[in-house]
């Protein structure tokens, strides 16, 4: 049986080269804090299931959280 899982590592490299920016991380962080109605995430855990690019995981870490973004495969965020 072939492994039909998404090739995460290849997608991530393409995303970084085309789309990733500090402005997008900041925007994701602003949205996350507004959505959760908190000033920061200091001392909190953040579980990002289906994290995709990991943008919100990174934003959560920068807001003070301990983030985990488990993936299904050897190239997941971790």
Protein backbone atom coordinates (compact mmCIF):
# COMPACT_ATOMS: atom_id res chain seq x y z
CA UNK A 1 0.00 0.00 0.00
CA UNK A 2 1.40 3.39 -0.97
CA UNK A 3 1.78 6.14 1.60
CA UNK A 4 -0.63 8.83 0.39
CA UNK A 5 0.03 11.30 3.20
CA UNK A 6 0.71 14.89 2.31
CA UNK A 7 4.40 15.70 1.82
CA UNK A 8 4.54 18.25 4.62
CA UNK A 9 8.21 19.16 4.42
CA UNK A 10 8.01 20.05 0.74
CA UNK A 11 4.89 22.15 1.30
CA UNK A 12 6.51 23.97 4.23
CA UNK A 13 9.54 24.94 2.19
CA UNK A 14 7.32 26.27 -0.59
CA UNK A 15 5.21 28.20 1.95
CA UNK A 16 8.29 29.77 3.51
CA UNK A 17 9.67 30.92 0.21
CA UNK A 18 6.35 32.34 -1.09
CA UNK A 19 4.18 33.43 1.79
CA UNK A 20 5.73 33.48 5.26
CA UNK A 21 6.47 36.86 6.81
CA UNK A 22 6.83 38.39 10.25
CA UNK A 23 3.77 40.49 9.41
CA UNK A 24 1.69 37.30 8.97
CA UNK A 25 2.93 35.93 12.31
CA UNK A 26 2.05 39.21 14.03
CA UNK A 27 -1.38 39.25 12.41
CA UNK A 28 -2.03 35.65 13.47
CA UNK A 29 -0.94 36.51 17.01
CA UNK A 30 -3.21 39.55 17.16
CA UNK A 31 -6.15 37.49 15.90
CA UNK A 32 -5.45 34.68 18.35
CA UNK A 33 -5.35 36.98 21.38
CA UNK A 34 -8.52 38.79 20.28
CA UNK A 35 -10.30 35.48 19.67
CA UNK A 36 -9.32 34.14 23.10
CA UNK A 37 -9.97 37.54 24.71
CA UNK A 38 -6.68 37.53 26.63
CA UNK A 39 -3.68 39.89 26.66
CA UNK A 40 -1.13 37.07 26.29
CA UNK A 41 -0.70 33.30 26.66
CA UNK A 42 2.03 33.30 29.30
CA UNK A 43 2.01 30.07 31.30
CA UNK A 44 -0.59 28.38 29.09
CA UNK A 45 -0.35 25.31 26.88
CA UNK A 46 -1.45 25.54 23.26
CA UNK A 47 -2.35 22.38 21.34
CA UNK A 48 -2.62 23.04 17.60
CA UNK A 49 -4.24 20.00 15.99
CA UNK A 50 -4.26 20.23 12.22
CA UNK A 51 -1.77 23.06 12.44
CA UNK A 52 -1.11 23.30 8.71
CA UNK A 53 1.69 25.79 8.26
CA UNK A 54 2.21 26.17 12.01
CA UNK A 55 1.61 29.91 11.81
CA UNK A 56 -0.74 29.97 14.80
CA UNK A 57 1.58 27.71 16.80
CA UNK A 58 4.43 30.15 16.25
CA UNK A 59 2.16 33.07 17.15
CA UNK A 60 1.11 31.27 20.35
CA UNK A 61 4.73 30.68 21.35
CA UNK A 62 5.55 34.32 20.75
CA UNK A 63 2.57 35.23 22.95
CA UNK A 64 4.06 33.17 25.78
CA UNK A 65 2.47 29.73 25.37
CA UNK A 66 4.11 26.34 25.35
CA UNK A 67 2.83 25.04 22.00
CA UNK A 68 2.55 21.55 20.61
CA UNK A 69 1.53 20.84 17.02
CA UNK A 70 1.59 17.06 16.57
CA UNK A 71 1.61 15.75 13.04
CA UNK A 72 1.05 12.50 11.24
CA UNK A 73 4.41 11.83 9.76
CA UNK A 74 8.15 12.24 10.15
CA UNK A 75 8.18 15.83 8.83
CA UNK A 76 5.48 17.26 11.08
CA UNK A 77 6.10 20.35 13.18
CA UNK A 78 6.34 18.34 16.40
